[in-house]
C-alpha atoms as a PDB file:
ATOM      1  CA  UNK A   1      33.582  14.622  29.271  1.00  0.00           C
ATOM      2  CA  UNK A   2      29.867  15.477  29.192  1.00  0.00           C
ATOM      3  CA  UNK A   3      27.670  12.414  29.579  1.00  0.00           C
ATOM      4  CA  UNK A   4      24.348  12.190  27.693  1.00  0.00           C
ATOM      5  CA  UNK A   5      21.270  12.764  29.828  1.00  0.00           C
ATOM      6  CA  UNK A   6      20.347   9.454  31.441  1.00  0.00           C
ATOM      7  CA  UNK A   7      23.602   7.768  30.508  1.00  0.00           C
ATOM      8  CA  UNK A   8      24.216   4.543  28.606  1.00  0.00           C
ATOM      9  CA  UNK A   9      21.806   2.495  30.711  1.00  0.00           C
ATOM     10  CA  UNK A  10      18.965   4.835  29.718  1.00  0.00           C
ATOM     11  CA  UNK A  11      19.809   5.125  26.009  1.00  0.00           C
ATOM     12  CA  UNK A  12      20.619   1.486  25.248  1.00  0.00           C
ATOM     13  CA  UNK A  13      16.991   0.236  25.477  1.00  0.00           C
ATOM     14  CA  UNK A  14      15.872   3.179  23.338  1.00  0.00           C
ATOM     15  CA  UNK A  15      18.449   2.408  20.661  1.00  0.00           C
ATOM     16  CA  UNK A  16      17.551  -1.284  20.709  1.00  0.00           C
ATOM     17  CA  UNK A  17      13.849  -0.450  20.448  1.00  0.00           C
ATOM     18  CA  UNK A  18      14.540   1.823  17.484  1.00  0.00           C
ATOM     19  CA  UNK A  19      16.551  -0.924  15.769  1.00  0.00           C
ATOM     20  CA  UNK A  20      13.851  -3.526  16.432  1.00  0.00           C
ATOM     21  CA  UNK A  21      11.224  -1.150  15.059  1.00  0.00           C
ATOM     22  CA  UNK A  22      13.338  -0.455  11.987  1.00  0.00           C
ATOM     23  CA  UNK A  23      13.862  -4.144  11.222  1.00  0.00           C
ATOM     24  CA  UNK A  24      10.155  -4.817  11.640  1.00  0.00           C
ATOM     25  CA  UNK A  25       9.161  -1.858   9.487  1.00  0.00           C
ATOM     26  CA  UNK A  26      11.659  -2.679   6.761  1.00  0.00           C
ATOM     27  CA  UNK A  27       9.982  -5.965   5.769  1.00  0.00           C
ATOM     28  CA  UNK A  28       8.372  -5.142   2.361  1.00  0.00           C
ATOM     29  CA  UNK A  29       5.252  -7.255   2.730  1.00  0.00           C
ATOM     30  CA  UNK A  30       3.709  -6.045  -0.517  1.00  0.00           C
ATOM     31  CA  UNK A  31       6.682  -7.359  -2.483  1.00  0.00           C
ATOM     32  CA  UNK A  32       6.990 -10.548  -0.418  1.00  0.00           C
ATOM     33  CA  UNK A  33       3.325 -11.498  -0.765  1.00  0.00           C
ATOM     34  CA  UNK A  34       3.311 -10.724  -4.484  1.00  0.00           C
ATOM     35  CA  UNK A  35       6.257 -13.050  -5.044  1.00  0.00           C
ATOM     36  CA  UNK A  36       4.768 -15.815  -2.921  1.00  0.00           C
ATOM     37  CA  UNK A  37       1.472 -15.581  -4.816  1.00  0.00           C
ATOM     38  CA  UNK A  38       3.056 -15.264  -8.248  1.00  0.00           C
ATOM     39  CA  UNK A  39       1.417 -11.862  -8.679  1.00  0.00           C
ATOM     40  CA  UNK A  40       2.712  -8.702 -10.339  1.00  0.00           C
ATOM     41  CA  UNK A  41       5.390  -6.890  -8.368  1.00  0.00           C
ATOM     42  CA  UNK A  42       3.668  -3.740  -7.031  1.00  0.00           C
ATOM     43  CA  UNK A  43       6.744  -1.724  -7.925  1.00  0.00           C
ATOM     44  CA  UNK A  44       5.972  -2.362 -11.606  1.00  0.00           C
ATOM     45  CA  UNK A  45       2.506  -0.768 -11.612  1.00  0.00           C
ATOM     46  CA  UNK A  46       0.819   2.497 -10.680  1.00  0.00           C
ATOM     47  CA  UNK A  47       3.023   4.730  -8.583  1.00  0.00           C
ATOM     48  CA  UNK A  48       5.612   1.982  -8.019  1.00  0.00           C
ATOM     49  CA  UNK A  49       4.904   1.993  -4.298  1.00  0.00           C
ATOM     50  CA  UNK A  50       5.224  -1.229  -2.259  1.00  0.00           C
ATOM     51  CA  UNK A  51       2.103  -0.630  -0.164  1.00  0.00           C
ATOM     52  CA  UNK A  52      -1.445  -1.938  -0.212  1.00  0.00           C
ATOM     53  CA  UNK A  53      -2.833   0.709  -2.574  1.00  0.00           C
ATOM     54  CA  UNK A  54      -0.434  -0.295  -5.317  1.00  0.00           C
ATOM     55  CA  UNK A  55      -0.999  -3.995  -4.649  1.00  0.00           C
ATOM     56  CA  UNK A  56      -4.702  -3.270  -5.164  1.00  0.00           C
ATOM     57  CA  UNK A  57      -3.861  -1.839  -8.587  1.00  0.00           C
ATOM     58  CA  UNK A  58      -2.527  -5.264  -9.614  1.00  0.00           C
ATOM     59  CA  UNK A  59      -6.093  -6.564  -9.273  1.00  0.00           C
ATOM     60  CA  UNK A  60      -5.377  -8.757  -6.260  1.00  0.00           C
ATOM     61  CA  UNK A  61      -7.720  -7.483  -3.557  1.00  0.00           C
ATOM     62  CA  UNK A  62      -6.901 -10.301  -1.147  1.00  0.00           C
ATOM     63  CA  UNK A  63      -3.182  -9.568  -1.400  1.00  0.00           C
ATOM     64  CA  UNK A  64      -3.874  -5.868  -0.945  1.00  0.00           C
ATOM     65  CA  UNK A  65      -5.856  -6.542   2.240  1.00  0.00           C
ATOM     66  CA  UNK A  66      -3.129  -8.847   3.569  1.00  0.00           C
ATOM     67  CA  UNK A  67      -0.468  -6.247   2.757  1.00  0.00           C
ATOM     68  CA  UNK A  68      -2.430  -3.559   4.581  1.00  0.00           C
ATOM     69  CA  UNK A  69      -2.827  -5.746   7.668  1.00  0.00           C
ATOM     70  CA  UNK A  70       0.832  -6.797   7.788  1.00  0.00           C
ATOM     71  CA  UNK A  71       2.090  -3.255   7.187  1.00  0.00           C
ATOM     72  CA  UNK A  72      -0.122  -2.089  10.038  1.00  0.00           C
ATOM     73  CA  UNK A  73       1.103  -4.870  12.331  1.00  0.00           C
ATOM     74  CA  UNK A  74       4.765  -4.143  11.667  1.00  0.00           C
ATOM     75  CA  UNK A  75       4.140  -0.724  13.186  1.00  0.00           C
ATOM     76  CA  UNK A  76       1.836  -1.892  15.965  1.00  0.00           C
ATOM     77  CA  UNK A  77       3.735  -4.911  17.323  1.00  0.00           C
ATOM     78  CA  UNK A  78       7.173  -3.391  18.076  1.00  0.00           C
ATOM     79  CA  UNK A  79       5.550  -0.357  19.712  1.00  0.00           C
ATOM     80  CA  UNK A  80       3.185  -2.492  21.787  1.00  0.00           C
ATOM     81  CA  UNK A  81       6.054  -4.787  22.852  1.00  0.00           C
ATOM     82  CA  UNK A  82       8.327  -1.870  23.770  1.00  0.00           C
ATOM     83  CA  UNK A  83       5.585  -0.177  25.789  1.00  0.00           C
ATOM     84  CA  UNK A  84       4.712  -3.416  27.578  1.00  0.00           C
ATOM     85  CA  UNK A  85       8.271  -4.356  28.478  1.00  0.00           C
ATOM     86  CA  UNK A  86      10.084  -1.060  29.013  1.00  0.00           C
ATOM     87  CA  UNK A  87       7.733   1.929  28.812  1.00  0.00           C
ATOM     88  CA  UNK A  88       6.734   4.927  26.675  1.00  0.00           C
ATOM     89  CA  UNK A  89      10.190   6.235  25.749  1.00  0.00           C
ATOM     90  CA  UNK A  90      11.218   3.004  24.060  1.00  0.00           C
ATOM     91  CA  UNK A  91       7.758   2.698  22.488  1.00  0.00           C
ATOM     92  CA  UNK A  92       8.188   6.079  20.790  1.00  0.00           C
ATOM     93  CA  UNK A  93      11.623   5.026  19.541  1.00  0.00           C
ATOM     94  CA  UNK A  94      10.229   1.766  18.191  1.00  0.00           C
ATOM     95  CA  UNK A  95       7.482   3.693  16.400  1.00  0.00           C
ATOM     96  CA  UNK A  96       9.949   6.050  14.757  1.00  0.00           C
ATOM     97  CA  UNK A  97      12.097   3.100  13.711  1.00  0.00           C
ATOM     98  CA  UNK A  98       9.149   1.211  12.214  1.00  0.00           C
ATOM     99  CA  UNK A  99       8.030   4.091  10.001  1.00  0.00           C
ATOM    100  CA  UNK A 100      11.588   4.889   8.906  1.00  0.00           C
ATOM    101  CA  UNK A 101      12.119   1.194   8.168  1.00  0.00           C
ATOM    102  CA  UNK A 102       9.063   1.063   5.908  1.00  0.00           C
ATOM    103  CA  UNK A 103      10.093   4.205   4.056  1.00  0.00           C
ATOM    104  CA  UNK A 104      13.771   3.257   3.769  1.00  0.00           C
ATOM    105  CA  UNK A 105      14.073  -0.561   3.991  1.00  0.00           C
ATOM    106  CA  UNK A 106      17.568  -1.978   3.894  1.00  0.00           C
ATOM    107  CA  UNK A 107      16.301  -4.979   1.890  1.00  0.00           C
ATOM    108  CA  UNK A 108      15.200  -2.770  -1.040  1.00  0.00           C
ATOM    109  CA  UNK A 109      18.229  -0.469  -1.096  1.00  0.00           C
ATOM    110  CA  UNK A 110      16.347   2.040   1.072  1.00  0.00           C
ATOM    111  CA  UNK A 111      13.587   2.524  -1.535  1.00  0.00           C
ATOM    112  CA  UNK A 112      10.390   1.803   0.336  1.00  0.00           C
ATOM    113  CA  UNK A 113       6.816   2.934   0.722  1.00  0.00           C
ATOM    114  CA  UNK A 114       4.965   5.959   1.984  1.00  0.00           C
ATOM    115  CA  UNK A 115       4.697   4.816   5.611  1.00  0.00           C
ATOM    116  CA  UNK A 116       0.979   5.460   6.084  1.00  0.00           C
ATOM    117  CA  UNK A 117      -0.201   1.965   7.081  1.00  0.00           C
ATOM    118  CA  UNK A 118       2.814   1.393   9.327  1.00  0.00           C
ATOM    119  CA  UNK A 119       2.307   4.788  10.948  1.00  0.00           C
ATOM    120  CA  UNK A 120      -1.332   3.844  11.535  1.00  0.00           C
ATOM    121  CA  UNK A 121      -0.156   0.782  13.439  1.00  0.00           C
ATOM    122  CA  UNK A 122       2.115   2.971  15.552  1.00  0.00           C
ATOM    123  CA  UNK A 123      -0.738   5.349  16.380  1.00  0.00           C
ATOM    124  CA  UNK A 124      -3.026   2.409  17.163  1.00  0.00           C
ATOM    125  CA  UNK A 125      -0.516   1.130  19.730  1.00  0.00           C
ATOM    126  CA  UNK A 126       0.258   4.528  21.298  1.00  0.00           C
ATOM    127  CA  UNK A 127      -2.894   6.670  21.115  1.00  0.00           C
ATOM    128  CA  UNK A 128      -5.767   4.788  19.430  1.00  0.00           C
ATOM    129  CA  UNK A 129      -8.272   7.569  20.146  1.00  0.00           C
ATOM    130  CA  UNK A 130      -6.402   9.790  17.665  1.00  0.00           C
ATOM    131  CA  UNK A 131      -7.339   7.450  14.829  1.00  0.00           C
ATOM    132  CA  UNK A 132     -10.983   8.510  15.028  1.00  0.00           C
ATOM    133  CA  UNK A 133     -10.620  12.060  13.639  1.00  0.00           C
ATOM    134  CA  UNK A 134      -7.754  11.030  11.349  1.00  0.00           C
ATOM    135  CA  UNK A 135      -9.816   8.232   9.815  1.00  0.00           C
ATOM    136  CA  UNK A 136     -12.754  10.599   9.326  1.00  0.00           C
ATOM    137  CA  UNK A 137     -10.532  13.095   7.514  1.00  0.00           C
ATOM    138  CA  UNK A 138      -9.042  10.371   5.325  1.00  0.00           C
ATOM    139  CA  UNK A 139     -12.486   9.016   4.451  1.00  0.00           C
ATOM    140  CA  UNK A 140     -13.833  12.470   3.604  1.00  0.00           C
ATOM    141  CA  UNK A 141     -10.861  13.434   1.435  1.00  0.00           C
ATOM    142  CA  UNK A 142     -10.916  10.098  -0.386  1.00  0.00           C
ATOM    143  CA  UNK A 143     -14.680  10.139  -0.914  1.00  0.00           C
ATOM    144  CA  UNK A 144     -14.540  13.614  -2.421  1.00  0.00           C
ATOM    145  CA  UNK A 145     -11.504  13.097  -4.659  1.00  0.00           C
ATOM    146  CA  UNK A 146     -10.783   9.347  -4.989  1.00  0.00           C
ATOM    147  CA  UNK A 147      -7.129  10.171  -4.354  1.00  0.00           C
ATOM    148  CA  UNK A 148      -5.688   7.851  -1.694  1.00  0.00           C
ATOM    149  CA  UNK A 149      -2.566   9.993  -1.562  1.00  0.00           C
ATOM    150  CA  UNK A 150      -4.513  13.149  -0.698  1.00  0.00           C
ATOM    151  CA  UNK A 151      -6.504  11.331   1.963  1.00  0.00           C
ATOM    152  CA  UNK A 152      -3.338   9.875   3.448  1.00  0.00           C
ATOM    153  CA  UNK A 153      -1.532  13.200   3.610  1.00  0.00           C
ATOM    154  CA  UNK A 154      -4.561  14.934   5.102  1.00  0.00           C
ATOM    155  CA  UNK A 155      -4.868  12.286   7.801  1.00  0.00           C
ATOM    156  CA  UNK A 156      -1.136  12.370   8.519  1.00  0.00           C
ATOM    157  CA  UNK A 157      -1.286  16.110   9.155  1.00  0.00           C
ATOM    158  CA  UNK A 158      -4.345  15.723  11.377  1.00  0.00           C
ATOM    159  CA  UNK A 159      -2.764  13.128  13.668  1.00  0.00           C
ATOM    160  CA  UNK A 160      -0.183  15.337  15.481  1.00  0.00           C
ATOM    161  CA  UNK A 161      -2.768  18.082  16.011  1.00  0.00           C
ATOM    162  CA  UNK A 162      -5.321  15.629  17.391  1.00  0.00           C
ATOM    163  CA  UNK A 163      -2.726  14.029  19.660  1.00  0.00           C
ATOM    164  CA  UNK A 164      -1.696  17.422  21.016  1.00  0.00           C
ATOM    165  CA  UNK A 165      -5.289  18.468  21.649  1.00  0.00           C
ATOM    166  CA  UNK A 166      -5.884  15.188  23.517  1.00  0.00           C
ATOM    167  CA  UNK A 167      -2.874  15.912  25.723  1.00  0.00           C
ATOM    168  CA  UNK A 168      -0.451  13.384  24.206  1.00  0.00           C
ATOM    169  CA  UNK A 169       2.312  15.931  23.729  1.00  0.00           C
ATOM    170  CA  UNK A 170       5.245  13.518  23.443  1.00  0.00           C
ATOM    171  CA  UNK A 171       3.371  11.362  20.951  1.00  0.00           C
ATOM    172  CA  UNK A 172       2.373  14.496  19.010  1.00  0.00           C
ATOM    173  CA  UNK A 173       6.065  15.318  18.536  1.00  0.00           C
ATOM    174  CA  UNK A 174       6.653  11.871  17.032  1.00  0.00           C
ATOM    175  CA  UNK A 175       3.557  12.207  14.850  1.00  0.00           C
ATOM    176  CA  UNK A 176       4.730  15.571  13.532  1.00  0.00           C
ATOM    177  CA  UNK A 177       7.985  13.953  12.438  1.00  0.00           C
ATOM    178  CA  UNK A 178       6.024  11.087  10.863  1.00  0.00           C
ATOM    179  CA  UNK A 179       3.696  13.514   9.067  1.00  0.00           C
ATOM    180  CA  UNK A 180       6.657  15.370   7.548  1.00  0.00           C
ATOM    181  CA  UNK A 181       8.175  12.050   6.484  1.00  0.00           C
ATOM    182  CA  UNK A 182       4.877  10.973   4.911  1.00  0.00           C
ATOM    183  CA  UNK A 183       4.703  14.258   2.984  1.00  0.00           C
ATOM    184  CA  UNK A 184       8.287  13.786   1.813  1.00  0.00           C
ATOM    185  CA  UNK A 185       7.505  10.271   0.602  1.00  0.00           C
ATOM    186  CA  UNK A 186       4.481  11.648  -1.246  1.00  0.00           C
ATOM    187  CA  UNK A 187       6.469  14.309  -3.089  1.00  0.00           C
ATOM    188  CA  UNK A 188       5.927  12.604  -6.459  1.00  0.00           C
ATOM    189  CA  UNK A 189       2.207  12.298  -5.696  1.00  0.00           C
ATOM    190  CA  UNK A 190       2.065  15.987  -4.841  1.00  0.00           C
ATOM    191  CA  UNK A 191       3.650  16.826  -8.198  1.00  0.00           C
ATOM    192  CA  UNK A 192       1.157  14.595 -10.041  1.00  0.00           C
ATOM    193  CA  UNK A 193      -1.759  16.108  -8.115  1.00  0.00           C
ATOM    194  CA  UNK A 194      -0.670  19.583  -9.150  1.00  0.00           C
ATOM    195  CA  UNK A 195      -0.351  18.410 -12.764  1.00  0.00           C
ATOM    196  CA  UNK A 196      -3.668  16.517 -12.738  1.00  0.00           C
ATOM    197  CA  UNK A 197      -1.952  13.183 -13.433  1.00  0.00           C
ATOM    198  CA  UNK A 198      -2.444  11.398 -10.101  1.00  0.00           C
ATOM    199  CA  UNK A 199      -4.301   8.078 -10.628  1.00  0.00           C
ATOM    200  CA  UNK A 200      -7.598   7.710  -8.799  1.00  0.00           C
ATOM    201  CA  UNK A 201      -8.543   4.588  -6.864  1.00  0.00           C
ATOM    202  CA  UNK A 202     -11.943   2.933  -7.056  1.00  0.00           C
ATOM    203  CA  UNK A 203     -12.883   0.191  -4.607  1.00  0.00           C
ATOM    204  CA  UNK A 204     -15.300  -1.256  -7.151  1.00  0.00           C
ATOM    205  CA  UNK A 205     -14.906  -1.661 -10.873  1.00  0.00           C
ATOM    206  CA  UNK A 206     -16.434   1.212 -12.778  1.00  0.00           C
ATOM    207  CA  UNK A 207     -19.432   0.246 -14.868  1.00  0.00           C
ATOM    208  CA  UNK A 208     -18.808  -0.279 -18.560  1.00  0.00           C
ATOM    209  CA  UNK A 209     -20.094   2.598 -20.729  1.00  0.00           C
END
């Protein structure tokens, strides 16, 4: 019988880290906070997404900010803990689990969000320097178009390239997987962008005519 490379002792921490990341990522903070605050369920407005952008569309900026922070932390914390306690291999597994958990949470019948904020937390824990060019690309795309989805997808595609150029090859492989997952989760947004029906996001209320 052929034994997996590294054996059970090597793979068990990786599997546990992935599971811990998944459970952390699967907590739908946008839905939880909306219920606790008596606000509109984000799944009932806009794109139906559970993330901060859709919470913002309910008119609750404070809840949107809290959702963004918690979604970021649920990616950052399991990766940081795995790296601190057991090393980079388990940290990468925890990061993959966190993003998958956000996109396909068991608590919502595997219908989750786009994974952008949680992926940002993962990148912040693994290779924070990569966030600089990715954030710049997001800001530029959003400023020019007011489409959060387009900014998010542009940044997601920039992250693996930036990580590779900075010499973080193993992380770049994870980020490429994450970028493809983010694009998949944005497939409805891509269709609306092509049809000219994607809703724009304004951080301030537009002036009355």
